Amino acid sequence: MPSEDCYVPVEVSCPELRLTLKRKGDKYLIDKFGGAVWLTDMMHLSTLFYQAYRTNKKNAKAADLLICLGETLGRGERHESVEEVCEALAHHEGDQSEYH
């Protein structure tokens, strides 16, 4: 990214692990690659906890399609078991009591 106004760190203490693109970041990638862009291999902590892990447990099985003004379509595979969901929720430091 050319500048910090293209993204926002979701986790201030560890910004390299949790970056979320702003519209300006989306537009930068669209312009850089000359049109539609599939954004893949996102860090799991920058996605929602219910996205399935890739085998490395650092990235999510998710993708966003960036066209025109930014993210137009988001897709993602979900966890297959309750145990995986609970593990991911803990990884994201979420409160399980909010989901009962």
C-alpha atoms as a PDB file:
ATOM      1  CA  MET A   1       0.000   0.000   0.000  1.00  0.00           C
ATOM      2  CA  PRO A   2       1.350   3.411  -0.887  1.00  0.00           C
ATOM      3  CA  SER A   3       0.216   5.107   2.336  1.00  0.00           C
ATOM      4  CA  GLU A   4      -1.367   4.444   5.713  1.00  0.00           C
ATOM      5  CA  ASP A   5      -4.646   6.044   4.639  1.00  0.00           C
ATOM      6  CA  CYS A   6      -5.285   2.936   2.478  1.00  0.00           C
ATOM      7  CA  TYR A   7      -5.837   0.641   5.454  1.00  0.00           C
ATOM      8  CA  VAL A   8      -6.662   0.615   9.127  1.00  0.00           C
ATOM      9  CA  PRO A   9      -4.966  -1.609  11.708  1.00  0.00           C
ATOM     10  CA  VAL A  10      -7.668  -3.549  13.539  1.00  0.00           C
ATOM     11  CA  GLU A  11      -5.218  -4.472  16.299  1.00  0.00           C
ATOM     12  CA  VAL A  12      -3.163  -1.400  17.174  1.00  0.00           C
ATOM     13  CA  SER A  13      -0.550  -3.343  19.173  1.00  0.00           C
ATOM     14  CA  CYS A  14       0.156  -5.679  16.237  1.00  0.00           C
ATOM     15  CA  PRO A  15      -0.893  -3.842  13.035  1.00  0.00           C
ATOM     16  CA  GLU A  16       0.911  -6.179  10.637  1.00  0.00           C
ATOM     17  CA  LEU A  17      -1.416  -9.011  11.647  1.00  0.00           C
ATOM     18  CA  ARG A  18      -4.747  -7.227  11.433  1.00  0.00           C
ATOM     19  CA  LEU A  19      -5.118  -4.841   8.540  1.00  0.00           C
ATOM     20  CA  THR A  20      -8.425  -3.947   6.967  1.00  0.00           C
ATOM     21  CA  LEU A  21      -8.440  -2.144   3.646  1.00  0.00           C
ATOM     22  CA  LYS A  22     -10.271   1.140   3.345  1.00  0.00           C
ATOM     23  CA  ARG A  23     -12.004   2.116   0.116  1.00  0.00           C
ATOM     24  CA  LYS A  24      -8.813   3.939  -0.927  1.00  0.00           C
ATOM     25  CA  GLY A  25      -6.838   0.685  -0.524  1.00  0.00           C
ATOM     26  CA  ASP A  26      -9.402  -1.213  -2.588  1.00  0.00           C
ATOM     27  CA  LYS A  27      -9.217   1.442  -5.316  1.00  0.00           C
ATOM     28  CA  TYR A  28      -5.402   1.350  -5.271  1.00  0.00           C
ATOM     29  CA  LEU A  29      -5.392  -2.411  -5.935  1.00  0.00           C
ATOM     30  CA  ILE A  30      -8.043  -2.110  -8.666  1.00  0.00           C
ATOM     31  CA  ASP A  31      -5.997   0.581 -10.407  1.00  0.00           C
ATOM     32  CA  LYS A  32      -2.696  -1.255  -9.911  1.00  0.00           C
ATOM     33  CA  PHE A  33      -3.987  -4.451 -11.507  1.00  0.00           C
ATOM     34  CA  GLY A  34      -6.104  -2.744 -14.150  1.00  0.00           C
ATOM     35  CA  GLY A  35      -9.579  -3.864 -13.193  1.00  0.00           C
ATOM     36  CA  ALA A  36     -11.232  -6.575 -11.143  1.00  0.00           C
ATOM     37  CA  VAL A  37      -9.098  -8.109  -8.402  1.00  0.00           C
ATOM     38  CA  TRP A  38      -9.688 -11.120  -6.179  1.00  0.00           C
ATOM     39  CA  LEU A  39      -8.172 -10.421  -2.765  1.00  0.00           C
ATOM     40  CA  THR A  40      -7.214 -13.772  -1.240  1.00  0.00           C
ATOM     41  CA  ASP A  41      -4.976 -15.241   1.478  1.00  0.00           C
ATOM     42  CA  MET A  42      -6.095 -12.681   4.016  1.00  0.00           C
ATOM     43  CA  MET A  43      -4.779 -13.058   7.533  1.00  0.00           C
ATOM     44  CA  HIS A  44      -7.433 -14.840   9.579  1.00  0.00           C
ATOM     45  CA  LEU A  45      -7.408 -12.121  12.223  1.00  0.00           C
ATOM     46  CA  SER A  46      -8.427  -9.553   9.595  1.00  0.00           C
ATOM     47  CA  THR A  47     -11.569 -11.540   8.711  1.00  0.00           C
ATOM     48  CA  LEU A  48     -14.575 -12.631  10.721  1.00  0.00           C
ATOM     49  CA  PHE A  49     -13.960 -15.491  13.154  1.00  0.00           C
ATOM     50  CA  TYR A  50     -16.360 -17.877  11.426  1.00  0.00           C
ATOM     51  CA  GLN A  51     -14.235 -18.051   8.266  1.00  0.00           C
ATOM     52  CA  ALA A  52     -12.472 -21.409   8.004  1.00  0.00           C
ATOM     53  CA  TYR A  53      -8.720 -21.584   8.451  1.00  0.00           C
ATOM     54  CA  ARG A  54      -6.298 -22.574   5.735  1.00  0.00           C
ATOM     55  CA  THR A  55      -4.002 -25.395   6.862  1.00  0.00           C
ATOM     56  CA  ASN A  56      -1.482 -22.935   8.328  1.00  0.00           C
ATOM     57  CA  LYS A  57      -4.119 -21.514  10.747  1.00  0.00           C
ATOM     58  CA  LYS A  58      -2.889 -18.005   9.907  1.00  0.00           C
ATOM     59  CA  ASN A  59      -4.910 -17.338   6.759  1.00  0.00           C
ATOM     60  CA  ALA A  60      -8.624 -17.591   6.068  1.00  0.00           C
ATOM     61  CA  LYS A  61     -10.385 -19.534   3.338  1.00  0.00           C
ATOM     62  CA  ALA A  62     -11.972 -16.333   2.113  1.00  0.00           C
ATOM     63  CA  ALA A  63     -11.812 -13.926  -0.805  1.00  0.00           C
ATOM     64  CA  ASP A  64     -13.160 -10.497  -1.735  1.00  0.00           C
ATOM     65  CA  LEU A  65     -13.850  -9.342  -5.271  1.00  0.00           C
ATOM     66  CA  LEU A  66     -12.785  -5.745  -5.770  1.00  0.00           C
ATOM     67  CA  ILE A  67     -14.313  -3.901  -8.732  1.00  0.00           C
ATOM     68  CA  CYS A  68     -15.318  -0.306  -9.480  1.00  0.00           C
ATOM     69  CA  LEU A  69     -15.363   1.453  -6.100  1.00  0.00           C
ATOM     70  CA  GLY A  70     -14.168  -1.425  -3.928  1.00  0.00           C
ATOM     71  CA  GLU A  71     -15.300  -4.678  -2.386  1.00  0.00           C
ATOM     72  CA  THR A  72     -18.338  -5.883  -4.286  1.00  0.00           C
ATOM     73  CA  LEU A  73     -18.509  -9.528  -3.308  1.00  0.00           C
ATOM     74  CA  GLY A  74     -17.152 -11.438  -0.342  1.00  0.00           C
ATOM     75  CA  ARG A  75     -16.956 -15.220  -0.194  1.00  0.00           C
ATOM     76  CA  GLY A  76     -15.663 -17.572   2.444  1.00  0.00           C
ATOM     77  CA  GLU A  77     -15.709 -21.143   3.598  1.00  0.00           C
ATOM     78  CA  ARG A  78     -17.039 -21.764   7.105  1.00  0.00           C
ATOM     79  CA  HIS A  79     -15.696 -23.982   9.873  1.00  0.00           C
ATOM     80  CA  GLU A  80     -16.931 -27.573   9.848  1.00  0.00           C
ATOM     81  CA  SER A  81     -17.287 -28.236  13.580  1.00  0.00           C
ATOM     82  CA  VAL A  82     -18.256 -26.509  16.802  1.00  0.00           C
ATOM     83  CA  GLU A  83     -14.723 -27.092  18.081  1.00  0.00           C
ATOM     84  CA  GLU A  84     -13.240 -25.190  15.125  1.00  0.00           C
ATOM     85  CA  VAL A  85     -15.651 -22.300  15.659  1.00  0.00           C
ATOM     86  CA  CYS A  86     -14.775 -22.110  19.366  1.00  0.00           C
ATOM     87  CA  GLU A  87     -11.044 -22.242  18.590  1.00  0.00           C
ATOM     88  CA  ALA A  88     -11.367 -19.415  16.062  1.00  0.00           C
ATOM     89  CA  LEU A  89     -13.505 -17.323  18.409  1.00  0.00           C
ATOM     90  CA  ALA A  90     -10.830 -17.677  21.103  1.00  0.00           C
ATOM     91  CA  HIS A  91      -8.142 -16.820  18.525  1.00  0.00           C
ATOM     92  CA  HIS A  92     -10.069 -13.612  17.773  1.00  0.00           C
ATOM     93  CA  GLU A  93     -10.435 -12.997  21.517  1.00  0.00           C
ATOM     94  CA  GLY A  94     -14.215 -13.144  21.234  1.00  0.00           C
ATOM     95  CA  ASP A  95     -16.603 -13.825  24.089  1.00  0.00           C
ATOM     96  CA  GLN A  96     -18.341 -17.190  23.608  1.00  0.00           C
ATOM     97  CA  SER A  97     -21.139 -16.185  26.022  1.00  0.00           C
ATOM     98  CA  GLU A  98     -22.365 -13.686  23.404  1.00  0.00           C
ATOM     99  CA  TYR A  99     -23.204 -16.599  21.056  1.00  0.00           C
ATOM    100  CA  HIS A 100     -25.340 -18.794  23.310  1.00  0.00           C
END
